[in-house]
Amino acid sequence: MIRQSEEKNGINVITIGPLTNVAIALLTRQSLKINKLVVMGGTSYASGNVRPSAEFNVHTDPEAAHIVFERVPFLTLVPWETCFKNKFEHQWIIDWIQGDSDIKRLL
């Protein structure tokens, strides 16, 4: 992540877990430049998945979430409910993995 950031003058990042590693990278490498960040985390309607109003990724490391939210200027927060309500069917995932697309090459 750090090398790509330096080579490309910044990177776009998508996270689907706790933000611990991103926060550590931001704290320890001043050269790291994140242009855009999409975080799967938090909750909109207090319907958490670890406590009634807490979502796992932010609840697991709230300090890291705070660091990332403070230091990344362009952040999109995708709350837990969005991911929970918009599931992919198993066959769609298999077809997507076996197919060819720009998104697949990106991931």
N, C-alpha and C. Protein backbone atom coordinates (compact mmCIF):
# COMPACT_ATOMS: atom_id res chain seq x y z
N MET A 1 0.83 -1.18 0.00
CA MET A 1 0.00 0.00 0.00
C MET A 1 0.88 1.25 0.00
N ILE A 2 1.89 1.25 0.82
CA ILE A 2 2.76 2.42 0.91
C ILE A 2 3.54 2.61 -0.38
N ARG A 3 4.08 1.52 -0.90
CA ARG A 3 4.84 1.60 -2.16
C ARG A 3 3.96 2.09 -3.30
N GLN A 4 2.77 1.54 -3.40
CA GLN A 4 1.84 1.98 -4.46
C GLN A 4 1.50 3.45 -4.30
N SER A 5 1.31 3.90 -3.08
CA SER A 5 1.00 5.30 -2.83
C SER A 5 2.12 6.21 -3.32
N GLU A 6 3.35 5.81 -3.04
CA GLU A 6 4.50 6.62 -3.45
C GLU A 6 4.68 6.60 -4.96
N GLU A 7 4.48 5.46 -5.59
CA GLU A 7 4.65 5.34 -7.04
C GLU A 7 3.55 6.05 -7.81
N LYS A 8 2.34 6.07 -7.29
CA LYS A 8 1.18 6.59 -8.02
C LYS A 8 0.73 7.96 -7.54
N ASN A 9 1.46 8.59 -6.62
CA ASN A 9 1.05 9.87 -6.04
C ASN A 9 -0.31 9.76 -5.36
N GLY A 10 -0.46 8.72 -4.57
CA GLY A 10 -1.70 8.51 -3.83
C GLY A 10 -2.45 7.31 -4.35
N ILE A 11 -3.28 6.74 -3.49
CA ILE A 11 -4.05 5.55 -3.85
C ILE A 11 -5.49 5.71 -3.37
N ASN A 12 -6.34 4.87 -3.92
CA ASN A 12 -7.72 4.73 -3.45
C ASN A 12 -7.78 3.41 -2.71
N VAL A 13 -8.46 3.39 -1.56
CA VAL A 13 -8.49 2.20 -0.71
C VAL A 13 -9.94 1.85 -0.38
N ILE A 14 -10.23 0.55 -0.40
CA ILE A 14 -11.52 0.02 0.05
C ILE A 14 -11.23 -0.91 1.22
N THR A 15 -11.89 -0.69 2.36
CA THR A 15 -11.69 -1.56 3.51
C THR A 15 -12.99 -2.27 3.86
N ILE A 16 -12.86 -3.53 4.29
CA ILE A 16 -14.03 -4.30 4.71
C ILE A 16 -13.81 -4.91 6.09
N GLY A 17 -12.86 -4.37 6.83
CA GLY A 17 -12.56 -4.85 8.17
C GLY A 17 -12.13 -3.70 9.05
N PRO A 18 -11.69 -4.01 10.28
CA PRO A 18 -11.21 -2.96 11.17
C PRO A 18 -10.08 -2.16 10.52
N LEU A 19 -9.93 -0.91 10.91
CA LEU A 19 -9.01 0.02 10.26
C LEU A 19 -7.62 0.07 10.90
N THR A 20 -7.28 -0.92 11.69
CA THR A 20 -6.02 -0.94 12.43
C THR A 20 -4.81 -0.76 11.52
N ASN A 21 -4.70 -1.55 10.47
CA ASN A 21 -3.52 -1.47 9.59
C ASN A 21 -3.44 -0.15 8.84
N VAL A 22 -4.57 0.38 8.43
CA VAL A 22 -4.56 1.67 7.75
C VAL A 22 -4.11 2.77 8.71
N ALA A 23 -4.60 2.72 9.94
CA ALA A 23 -4.21 3.73 10.93
C ALA A 23 -2.72 3.64 11.25
N ILE A 24 -2.20 2.44 11.41
CA ILE A 24 -0.77 2.27 11.68
C ILE A 24 0.05 2.82 10.52
N ALA A 25 -0.36 2.51 9.31
CA ALA A 25 0.36 3.01 8.14
C ALA A 25 0.33 4.54 8.09
N LEU A 26 -0.81 5.14 8.39
CA LEU A 26 -0.91 6.60 8.39
C LEU A 26 -0.03 7.23 9.47
N LEU A 27 0.07 6.58 10.61
CA LEU A 27 0.86 7.12 11.72
C LEU A 27 2.37 6.95 11.51
N THR A 28 2.76 5.88 10.84
CA THR A 28 4.19 5.56 10.75
C THR A 28 4.83 5.97 9.44
N ARG A 29 4.05 6.20 8.42
CA ARG A 29 4.61 6.56 7.11
C ARG A 29 4.01 7.87 6.64
N GLN A 30 4.74 8.93 6.84
CA GLN A 30 4.27 10.25 6.44
C GLN A 30 4.07 10.35 4.93
N SER A 31 4.75 9.50 4.17
CA SER A 31 4.65 9.55 2.71
C SER A 31 3.35 8.93 2.19
N LEU A 32 2.63 8.20 3.03
CA LEU A 32 1.39 7.55 2.58
C LEU A 32 0.34 8.59 2.25
N LYS A 33 -0.17 8.52 1.02
CA LYS A 33 -1.21 9.45 0.58
C LYS A 33 -2.41 8.63 0.10
N ILE A 34 -3.51 8.76 0.81
CA ILE A 34 -4.76 8.10 0.42
C ILE A 34 -5.66 9.17 -0.17
N ASN A 35 -5.92 9.04 -1.47
CA ASN A 35 -6.77 10.02 -2.16
C ASN A 35 -8.24 9.85 -1.81
N LYS A 36 -8.70 8.60 -1.85
CA LYS A 36 -10.09 8.28 -1.53
C LYS A 36 -10.10 7.00 -0.71
N LEU A 37 -11.02 6.94 0.24
CA LEU A 37 -11.15 5.76 1.08
C LEU A 37 -12.62 5.41 1.20
N VAL A 38 -12.95 4.14 0.97
CA VAL A 38 -14.30 3.63 1.17
C VAL A 38 -14.21 2.63 2.32
N VAL A 39 -14.97 2.88 3.37
CA VAL A 39 -14.93 2.06 4.58
C VAL A 39 -16.28 1.39 4.78
N MET A 40 -16.27 0.06 4.89
CA MET A 40 -17.48 -0.65 5.32
C MET A 40 -17.42 -0.64 6.84
N GLY A 41 -18.23 0.22 7.44
CA GLY A 41 -18.19 0.31 8.89
C GLY A 41 -19.25 1.26 9.43
N GLY A 42 -19.53 1.10 10.69
CA GLY A 42 -20.51 1.95 11.33
C GLY A 42 -21.93 1.45 11.09
N THR A 43 -22.87 2.19 11.62
CA THR A 43 -24.27 1.82 11.49
C THR A 43 -25.12 3.09 11.38
N SER A 44 -26.12 3.04 10.56
CA SER A 44 -27.00 4.20 10.36
C SER A 44 -28.19 4.21 11.30
N TYR A 45 -28.72 3.03 11.59
CA TYR A 45 -29.96 2.93 12.33
C TYR A 45 -29.78 2.23 13.67
N ALA A 46 -28.57 2.25 14.21
CA ALA A 46 -28.27 1.60 15.49
C ALA A 46 -28.66 0.13 15.48
N SER A 47 -28.41 -0.52 14.35
CA SER A 47 -28.67 -1.96 14.27
C SER A 47 -27.34 -2.68 14.07
N GLY A 48 -26.52 -2.64 15.10
CA GLY A 48 -25.18 -3.20 15.02
C GLY A 48 -25.15 -4.70 14.93
N ASN A 49 -23.96 -5.24 14.69
CA ASN A 49 -23.80 -6.68 14.60
C ASN A 49 -22.96 -7.26 15.74
N VAL A 50 -22.45 -6.42 16.65
CA VAL A 50 -21.76 -6.93 17.84
C VAL A 50 -22.44 -6.48 19.12
N ARG A 51 -23.13 -5.38 19.07
CA ARG A 51 -23.95 -4.85 20.16
C ARG A 51 -25.13 -4.15 19.49
N PRO A 52 -26.15 -3.83 20.24
CA PRO A 52 -27.33 -3.22 19.60
C PRO A 52 -27.02 -2.00 18.74
N SER A 53 -26.01 -1.22 19.11
CA SER A 53 -25.71 -0.03 18.31
C SER A 53 -24.25 0.03 17.87
N ALA A 54 -23.58 -1.11 17.78
CA ALA A 54 -22.16 -1.11 17.41
C ALA A 54 -21.91 -2.11 16.28
N GLU A 55 -21.20 -1.62 15.27
CA GLU A 55 -20.80 -2.45 14.12
C GLU A 55 -19.37 -2.94 14.36
N PHE A 56 -19.08 -4.16 13.96
CA PHE A 56 -17.82 -4.84 14.27
C PHE A 56 -16.57 -4.06 13.89
N ASN A 57 -16.48 -3.57 12.66
CA ASN A 57 -15.23 -2.96 12.18
C ASN A 57 -14.83 -1.72 12.96
N VAL A 58 -15.78 -0.90 13.35
CA VAL A 58 -15.47 0.29 14.13
C VAL A 58 -15.36 -0.07 15.61
N HIS A 59 -16.23 -0.94 16.09
CA HIS A 59 -16.23 -1.35 17.49
C HIS A 59 -14.92 -2.05 17.88
N THR A 60 -14.35 -2.84 16.97
CA THR A 60 -13.14 -3.60 17.27
C THR A 60 -11.95 -2.69 17.55
N ASP A 61 -11.82 -1.60 16.81
CA ASP A 61 -10.69 -0.69 17.01
C ASP A 61 -11.15 0.75 16.79
N PRO A 62 -11.87 1.31 17.76
CA PRO A 62 -12.37 2.67 17.60
C PRO A 62 -11.27 3.72 17.50
N GLU A 63 -10.13 3.46 18.13
CA GLU A 63 -9.03 4.41 18.04
C GLU A 63 -8.51 4.50 16.61
N ALA A 64 -8.38 3.35 15.97
CA ALA A 64 -7.93 3.33 14.57
C ALA A 64 -8.94 4.04 13.68
N ALA A 65 -10.22 3.79 13.91
CA ALA A 65 -11.25 4.47 13.12
C ALA A 65 -11.14 5.98 13.28
N HIS A 66 -10.92 6.44 14.49
CA HIS A 66 -10.79 7.87 14.74
C HIS A 66 -9.60 8.45 13.98
N ILE A 67 -8.46 7.76 14.03
CA ILE A 67 -7.26 8.23 13.32
C ILE A 67 -7.54 8.33 11.83
N VAL A 68 -8.12 7.29 11.26
CA VAL A 68 -8.38 7.26 9.81
C VAL A 68 -9.39 8.33 9.43
N PHE A 69 -10.47 8.45 10.19
CA PHE A 69 -11.50 9.44 9.87
C PHE A 69 -10.95 10.86 9.95
N GLU A 70 -10.01 11.10 10.84
CA GLU A 70 -9.41 12.43 10.99
C GLU A 70 -8.40 12.74 9.88
N ARG A 71 -7.69 11.74 9.38
CA ARG A 71 -6.56 11.99 8.49
C ARG A 71 -6.83 11.81 7.00
N VAL A 72 -7.92 11.15 6.65
CA VAL A 72 -8.20 10.92 5.22
C VAL A 72 -9.27 11.93 4.79
N PRO A 73 -8.93 12.81 3.85
CA PRO A 73 -9.85 13.90 3.50
C PRO A 73 -11.09 13.45 2.73
N PHE A 74 -10.98 12.43 1.90
CA PHE A 74 -12.13 12.00 1.09
C PHE A 74 -12.49 10.58 1.50
N LEU A 75 -13.50 10.48 2.35
CA LEU A 75 -13.90 9.21 2.93
C LEU A 75 -15.37 8.96 2.66
N THR A 76 -15.68 7.75 2.23
CA THR A 76 -17.06 7.32 2.08
C THR A 76 -17.30 6.21 3.07
N LEU A 77 -18.27 6.39 3.94
CA LEU A 77 -18.60 5.40 4.95
C LEU A 77 -19.84 4.64 4.49
N VAL A 78 -19.68 3.34 4.32
CA VAL A 78 -20.79 2.47 3.92
C VAL A 78 -21.23 1.71 5.18
N PRO A 79 -22.38 2.05 5.75
CA PRO A 79 -22.79 1.45 7.00
C PRO A 79 -23.17 -0.03 6.86
N TRP A 80 -23.11 -0.70 7.98
CA TRP A 80 -23.40 -2.13 8.07
C TRP A 80 -24.74 -2.48 7.42
N GLU A 81 -25.76 -1.68 7.62
CA GLU A 81 -27.08 -2.01 7.08
C GLU A 81 -27.07 -2.11 5.56
N THR A 82 -26.28 -1.28 4.91
CA THR A 82 -26.18 -1.31 3.45
C THR A 82 -25.68 -2.67 2.99
N CYS A 83 -24.65 -3.15 3.64
CA CYS A 83 -24.06 -4.43 3.26
C CYS A 83 -24.98 -5.59 3.63
N PHE A 84 -25.66 -5.48 4.74
CA PHE A 84 -26.54 -6.54 5.21
C PHE A 84 -27.77 -6.68 4.32
N LYS A 85 -28.32 -5.56 3.88
CA LYS A 85 -29.55 -5.58 3.10
C LYS A 85 -29.33 -5.87 1.62
N ASN A 86 -28.11 -5.78 1.14
CA ASN A 86 -27.82 -5.96 -0.28
C ASN A 86 -26.85 -7.11 -0.47
N LYS A 87 -27.35 -8.31 -0.27
CA LYS A 87 -26.53 -9.51 -0.35
C LYS A 87 -26.38 -9.97 -1.80
N PHE A 88 -25.25 -10.62 -2.07
CA PHE A 88 -25.04 -11.25 -3.36
C PHE A 88 -25.40 -12.73 -3.24
N GLU A 89 -26.10 -13.23 -4.22
CA GLU A 89 -26.41 -14.66 -4.24
C GLU A 89 -25.14 -15.43 -4.55
N HIS A 90 -25.04 -16.64 -4.00
CA HIS A 90 -23.84 -17.46 -4.15
C HIS A 90 -23.50 -17.70 -5.63
N GLN A 91 -24.46 -18.00 -6.46
CA GLN A 91 -24.19 -18.28 -7.87
C GLN A 91 -23.67 -17.04 -8.58
N TRP A 92 -24.16 -15.86 -8.21
CA TRP A 92 -23.66 -14.62 -8.81
C TRP A 92 -22.18 -14.46 -8.52
N ILE A 93 -21.78 -14.74 -7.29
CA ILE A 93 -20.37 -14.63 -6.90
C ILE A 93 -19.52 -15.61 -7.70
N ILE A 94 -19.97 -16.84 -7.85
CA ILE A 94 -19.23 -17.84 -8.64
C ILE A 94 -19.10 -17.38 -10.08
N ASP A 95 -20.18 -16.91 -10.68
CA ASP A 95 -20.14 -16.41 -12.06
C ASP A 95 -19.17 -15.23 -12.17
N TRP A 96 -19.18 -14.34 -11.20
CA TRP A 96 -18.30 -13.17 -11.21
C TRP A 96 -16.84 -13.58 -11.11
N ILE A 97 -16.54 -14.54 -10.24
CA ILE A 97 -15.15 -15.01 -10.08
C ILE A 97 -14.66 -15.67 -11.35
N GLN A 98 -15.51 -16.43 -12.00
CA GLN A 98 -15.11 -17.14 -13.22
C GLN A 98 -15.08 -16.24 -14.44
N GLY A 99 -15.75 -15.11 -14.40
CA GLY A 99 -15.81 -14.20 -15.54
C GLY A 99 -14.61 -13.27 -15.57
N ASP A 100 -14.70 -12.28 -16.45
CA ASP A 100 -13.62 -11.30 -16.59
C ASP A 100 -14.25 -9.91 -16.58
N SER A 101 -13.73 -9.04 -15.73
CA SER A 101 -14.25 -7.68 -15.65
C SER A 101 -13.18 -6.75 -15.10
N ASP A 102 -13.38 -5.46 -15.29
CA ASP A 102 -12.45 -4.47 -14.74
C ASP A 102 -12.42 -4.54 -13.22
N ILE A 103 -13.58 -4.73 -12.60
CA ILE A 103 -13.62 -4.79 -11.14
C ILE A 103 -12.85 -6.01 -10.64
N LYS A 104 -13.01 -7.15 -11.29
CA LYS A 104 -12.29 -8.34 -10.87
C LYS A 104 -10.79 -8.12 -10.97
N ARG A 105 -10.34 -7.50 -12.03
CA ARG A 105 -8.90 -7.24 -12.18
C ARG A 105 -8.41 -6.25 -11.12
N LEU A 106 -9.25 -5.30 -10.75
CA LEU A 106 -8.89 -4.34 -9.71
C LEU A 106 -8.70 -5.04 -8.38
N LEU A 107 -9.62 -5.94 -8.04
CA LEU A 107 -9.55 -6.62 -6.75
C LEU A 107 -8.51 -7.70 -6.78
